[in-house]
């Protein structure tokens, strides 16, 4: 599960957050139940400078806690929504694949300009069948596709 807990001063909103305004490239929260009855839930994000982290738990506890994360937004649709993203996490690849009708325009086309989309997120090459899944991602097309150093 992911936590978006913000403690802002009065009049400050999510869209004013410096990460959304300047740094964020890709952000994902997900949960999967596989046919072998294992469960994985997690939260990953990637952006400019050194802003990156991956946290994944399974039914026994944490299995990934790292800031060794890089992401590639490999495809977008005509409105800027991510169709496919590959996260490289501690030498292992994970991929987000968008569910085409599952755009979240009420969330991401407002002030923040971070189009959000639902889909699946899992390790590349994982052949286990997904029984239950949920993944939500947002990206910020205005911030570009590649990480840059912050000055």
C-alpha atoms as a PDB file:
ATOM      1  CA  UNK A   1       0.000   0.000   0.000  1.00  0.00           C
ATOM      2  CA  UNK A   2       1.118   3.530  -0.472  1.00  0.00           C
ATOM      3  CA  UNK A   3       0.812   6.473   1.801  1.00  0.00           C
ATOM      4  CA  UNK A   4       0.215   9.996   0.552  1.00  0.00           C
ATOM      5  CA  UNK A   5       0.135  11.704   3.912  1.00  0.00           C
ATOM      6  CA  UNK A   6       0.707  15.414   3.602  1.00  0.00           C
ATOM      7  CA  UNK A   7       0.836  17.976   6.388  1.00  0.00           C
ATOM      8  CA  UNK A   8       0.540  21.310   4.633  1.00  0.00           C
ATOM      9  CA  UNK A   9       0.098  24.816   5.998  1.00  0.00           C
ATOM     10  CA  UNK A  10      -3.317  26.439   5.454  1.00  0.00           C
ATOM     11  CA  UNK A  11      -3.970  27.222   1.788  1.00  0.00           C
ATOM     12  CA  UNK A  12      -1.365  24.747   0.520  1.00  0.00           C
ATOM     13  CA  UNK A  13      -2.564  21.811  -1.577  1.00  0.00           C
ATOM     14  CA  UNK A  14      -1.161  18.705  -3.254  1.00  0.00           C
ATOM     15  CA  UNK A  15      -0.750  20.549  -6.554  1.00  0.00           C
ATOM     16  CA  UNK A  16       1.531  23.068  -4.776  1.00  0.00           C
ATOM     17  CA  UNK A  17       3.888  20.345  -3.563  1.00  0.00           C
ATOM     18  CA  UNK A  18       7.404  20.969  -4.949  1.00  0.00           C
ATOM     19  CA  UNK A  19       7.679  17.304  -5.964  1.00  0.00           C
ATOM     20  CA  UNK A  20       4.583  17.583  -8.154  1.00  0.00           C
ATOM     21  CA  UNK A  21       5.560  21.025  -9.427  1.00  0.00           C
ATOM     22  CA  UNK A  22       9.223  20.355 -10.227  1.00  0.00           C
ATOM     23  CA  UNK A  23      10.561  16.853  -9.569  1.00  0.00           C
ATOM     24  CA  UNK A  24       8.138  13.971 -10.157  1.00  0.00           C
ATOM     25  CA  UNK A  25       8.477  11.862 -13.315  1.00  0.00           C
ATOM     26  CA  UNK A  26       6.680   8.664 -12.323  1.00  0.00           C
ATOM     27  CA  UNK A  27       4.863   7.417  -9.233  1.00  0.00           C
ATOM     28  CA  UNK A  28       3.069   4.115  -8.690  1.00  0.00           C
ATOM     29  CA  UNK A  29       1.128   2.322  -5.959  1.00  0.00           C
ATOM     30  CA  UNK A  30       0.111  -1.315  -6.448  1.00  0.00           C
ATOM     31  CA  UNK A  31      -1.201  -4.526  -4.918  1.00  0.00           C
ATOM     32  CA  UNK A  32      -1.202  -8.043  -6.380  1.00  0.00           C
ATOM     33  CA  UNK A  33      -2.467 -11.443  -5.291  1.00  0.00           C
ATOM     34  CA  UNK A  34      -1.000 -14.334  -7.290  1.00  0.00           C
ATOM     35  CA  UNK A  35      -2.262 -17.852  -7.952  1.00  0.00           C
ATOM     36  CA  UNK A  36       0.334 -19.264  -5.528  1.00  0.00           C
ATOM     37  CA  UNK A  37      -1.501 -17.210  -2.846  1.00  0.00           C
ATOM     38  CA  UNK A  38       1.376 -14.774  -2.341  1.00  0.00           C
ATOM     39  CA  UNK A  39       0.588 -11.101  -2.028  1.00  0.00           C
ATOM     40  CA  UNK A  40       2.768  -8.127  -2.933  1.00  0.00           C
ATOM     41  CA  UNK A  41       1.944  -4.505  -2.242  1.00  0.00           C
ATOM     42  CA  UNK A  42       4.156  -1.552  -2.900  1.00  0.00           C
ATOM     43  CA  UNK A  43       4.908   2.017  -3.695  1.00  0.00           C
ATOM     44  CA  UNK A  44       7.600   3.292  -6.084  1.00  0.00           C
ATOM     45  CA  UNK A  45       8.517   6.710  -7.362  1.00  0.00           C
ATOM     46  CA  UNK A  46      11.165   8.309  -9.535  1.00  0.00           C
ATOM     47  CA  UNK A  47      12.065  11.869 -10.455  1.00  0.00           C
ATOM     48  CA  UNK A  48      14.710  14.494 -10.998  1.00  0.00           C
ATOM     49  CA  UNK A  49      17.763  14.709  -8.777  1.00  0.00           C
ATOM     50  CA  UNK A  50      17.938  11.800  -6.347  1.00  0.00           C
ATOM     51  CA  UNK A  51      14.172  11.583  -5.715  1.00  0.00           C
ATOM     52  CA  UNK A  52      13.475   7.855  -5.975  1.00  0.00           C
ATOM     53  CA  UNK A  53      12.428   4.980  -3.747  1.00  0.00           C
ATOM     54  CA  UNK A  54      10.819   1.547  -3.888  1.00  0.00           C
ATOM     55  CA  UNK A  55       9.038  -0.180  -1.017  1.00  0.00           C
ATOM     56  CA  UNK A  56       7.457  -3.601  -1.546  1.00  0.00           C
ATOM     57  CA  UNK A  57       5.993  -5.964   1.054  1.00  0.00           C
ATOM     58  CA  UNK A  58       4.702  -9.478   0.697  1.00  0.00           C
ATOM     59  CA  UNK A  59       2.526 -11.470   3.104  1.00  0.00           C
ATOM     60  CA  UNK A  60       5.575 -11.944   5.365  1.00  0.00           C
ATOM     61  CA  UNK A  61       6.842  -8.347   5.478  1.00  0.00           C
ATOM     62  CA  UNK A  62       9.214  -6.034   3.587  1.00  0.00           C
ATOM     63  CA  UNK A  63      11.070  -7.530   0.622  1.00  0.00           C
ATOM     64  CA  UNK A  64      12.296  -4.363  -1.127  1.00  0.00           C
ATOM     65  CA  UNK A  65      13.352  -1.121   0.558  1.00  0.00           C
ATOM     66  CA  UNK A  66      15.686   0.850  -1.694  1.00  0.00           C
ATOM     67  CA  UNK A  67      16.450   4.140  -3.368  1.00  0.00           C
ATOM     68  CA  UNK A  68      18.235   2.340  -6.234  1.00  0.00           C
ATOM     69  CA  UNK A  69      15.447   3.091  -8.701  1.00  0.00           C
ATOM     70  CA  UNK A  70      15.338   4.256 -12.293  1.00  0.00           C
ATOM     71  CA  UNK A  71      12.261   4.388 -14.496  1.00  0.00           C
ATOM     72  CA  UNK A  72      11.527   4.699 -18.201  1.00  0.00           C
ATOM     73  CA  UNK A  73       8.172   5.878 -19.484  1.00  0.00           C
ATOM     74  CA  UNK A  74       8.246   3.879 -22.696  1.00  0.00           C
ATOM     75  CA  UNK A  75       4.850   4.836 -24.167  1.00  0.00           C
ATOM     76  CA  UNK A  76       2.180   7.515 -23.710  1.00  0.00           C
ATOM     77  CA  UNK A  77      -1.210   7.964 -25.315  1.00  0.00           C
ATOM     78  CA  UNK A  78      -2.241  11.093 -27.237  1.00  0.00           C
ATOM     79  CA  UNK A  79      -3.371  12.875 -24.039  1.00  0.00           C
ATOM     80  CA  UNK A  80      -0.119  12.248 -22.140  1.00  0.00           C
ATOM     81  CA  UNK A  81      -1.207   9.266 -20.045  1.00  0.00           C
ATOM     82  CA  UNK A  82       1.485   6.624 -19.505  1.00  0.00           C
ATOM     83  CA  UNK A  83       0.673   3.402 -21.357  1.00  0.00           C
ATOM     84  CA  UNK A  84       3.819   1.533 -20.309  1.00  0.00           C
ATOM     85  CA  UNK A  85       6.529   2.214 -17.704  1.00  0.00           C
ATOM     86  CA  UNK A  86       9.514   0.074 -16.761  1.00  0.00           C
ATOM     87  CA  UNK A  87      10.987   0.482 -13.281  1.00  0.00           C
ATOM     88  CA  UNK A  88      14.548  -0.792 -12.710  1.00  0.00           C
ATOM     89  CA  UNK A  89      14.796  -1.605  -8.975  1.00  0.00           C
ATOM     90  CA  UNK A  90      17.985  -3.020  -7.469  1.00  0.00           C
ATOM     91  CA  UNK A  91      18.759  -4.812 -10.743  1.00  0.00           C
ATOM     92  CA  UNK A  92      15.240  -6.186 -11.215  1.00  0.00           C
ATOM     93  CA  UNK A  93      12.714  -4.861 -13.752  1.00  0.00           C
ATOM     94  CA  UNK A  94       9.059  -4.193 -13.002  1.00  0.00           C
ATOM     95  CA  UNK A  95       6.519  -2.951 -15.529  1.00  0.00           C
ATOM     96  CA  UNK A  96       3.296  -0.981 -15.508  1.00  0.00           C
ATOM     97  CA  UNK A  97       0.848  -1.737 -18.305  1.00  0.00           C
ATOM     98  CA  UNK A  98      -2.116   0.599 -18.538  1.00  0.00           C
ATOM     99  CA  UNK A  99      -5.682  -0.614 -18.734  1.00  0.00           C
ATOM    100  CA  UNK A 100      -6.782   1.454 -21.786  1.00  0.00           C
ATOM    101  CA  UNK A 101     -10.165   2.651 -20.486  1.00  0.00           C
ATOM    102  CA  UNK A 102      -8.902   3.279 -16.953  1.00  0.00           C
ATOM    103  CA  UNK A 103      -7.699   6.867 -17.216  1.00  0.00           C
ATOM    104  CA  UNK A 104      -8.329   9.024 -14.156  1.00  0.00           C
ATOM    105  CA  UNK A 105      -8.979  12.465 -15.724  1.00  0.00           C
ATOM    106  CA  UNK A 106     -10.704  13.944 -12.682  1.00  0.00           C
ATOM    107  CA  UNK A 107      -7.534  13.327 -10.696  1.00  0.00           C
ATOM    108  CA  UNK A 108      -4.710  14.249 -13.043  1.00  0.00           C
ATOM    109  CA  UNK A 109      -5.916  16.779 -15.580  1.00  0.00           C
ATOM    110  CA  UNK A 110      -6.466  19.581 -13.091  1.00  0.00           C
ATOM    111  CA  UNK A 111      -3.971  21.918 -11.463  1.00  0.00           C
ATOM    112  CA  UNK A 112      -1.207  19.327 -10.957  1.00  0.00           C
ATOM    113  CA  UNK A 113      -1.132  18.171 -14.627  1.00  0.00           C
ATOM    114  CA  UNK A 114      -0.096  14.650 -13.650  1.00  0.00           C
ATOM    115  CA  UNK A 115      -2.253  12.257 -15.684  1.00  0.00           C
ATOM    116  CA  UNK A 116      -3.135   9.194 -13.623  1.00  0.00           C
ATOM    117  CA  UNK A 117      -3.974   5.754 -14.981  1.00  0.00           C
ATOM    118  CA  UNK A 118      -4.893   2.329 -13.605  1.00  0.00           C
ATOM    119  CA  UNK A 119      -3.432  -0.933 -14.858  1.00  0.00           C
ATOM    120  CA  UNK A 120      -1.186  -3.807 -13.785  1.00  0.00           C
ATOM    121  CA  UNK A 121       2.273  -3.636 -12.223  1.00  0.00           C
ATOM    122  CA  UNK A 122       4.526  -6.630 -11.723  1.00  0.00           C
ATOM    123  CA  UNK A 123       8.012  -8.020 -12.257  1.00  0.00           C
ATOM    124  CA  UNK A 124       9.030  -8.416 -15.890  1.00  0.00           C
ATOM    125  CA  UNK A 125       8.881 -12.119 -16.771  1.00  0.00           C
ATOM    126  CA  UNK A 126       6.793 -13.151 -13.743  1.00  0.00           C
ATOM    127  CA  UNK A 127       4.576 -15.957 -15.024  1.00  0.00           C
ATOM    128  CA  UNK A 128       2.348 -16.356 -11.979  1.00  0.00           C
ATOM    129  CA  UNK A 129      -1.301 -15.697 -12.721  1.00  0.00           C
ATOM    130  CA  UNK A 130      -2.738 -12.575 -11.126  1.00  0.00           C
ATOM    131  CA  UNK A 131      -5.905 -13.378  -9.151  1.00  0.00           C
ATOM    132  CA  UNK A 132      -6.498  -9.861  -7.878  1.00  0.00           C
ATOM    133  CA  UNK A 133      -4.593  -6.721  -8.772  1.00  0.00           C
ATOM    134  CA  UNK A 134      -4.665  -2.976  -8.665  1.00  0.00           C
ATOM    135  CA  UNK A 135      -2.093  -0.438  -9.772  1.00  0.00           C
ATOM    136  CA  UNK A 136      -2.340   3.295 -10.131  1.00  0.00           C
ATOM    137  CA  UNK A 137       0.328   5.517 -11.640  1.00  0.00           C
ATOM    138  CA  UNK A 138       0.785   9.157 -12.372  1.00  0.00           C
ATOM    139  CA  UNK A 139       3.409  10.892 -14.476  1.00  0.00           C
ATOM    140  CA  UNK A 140       4.115  14.547 -15.222  1.00  0.00           C
ATOM    141  CA  UNK A 141       4.687  14.971 -18.974  1.00  0.00           C
ATOM    142  CA  UNK A 142       5.811  18.585 -18.514  1.00  0.00           C
ATOM    143  CA  UNK A 143       8.807  17.356 -16.485  1.00  0.00           C
ATOM    144  CA  UNK A 144      10.142  15.329 -19.413  1.00  0.00           C
ATOM    145  CA  UNK A 145      10.989  11.654 -19.725  1.00  0.00           C
ATOM    146  CA  UNK A 146      14.569  11.563 -18.409  1.00  0.00           C
ATOM    147  CA  UNK A 147      16.029  12.349 -15.000  1.00  0.00           C
ATOM    148  CA  UNK A 148      18.086  15.518 -14.709  1.00  0.00           C
ATOM    149  CA  UNK A 149      20.318  16.738 -11.914  1.00  0.00           C
ATOM    150  CA  UNK A 150      18.895  19.408  -9.641  1.00  0.00           C
ATOM    151  CA  UNK A 151      20.947  22.537  -9.145  1.00  0.00           C
END
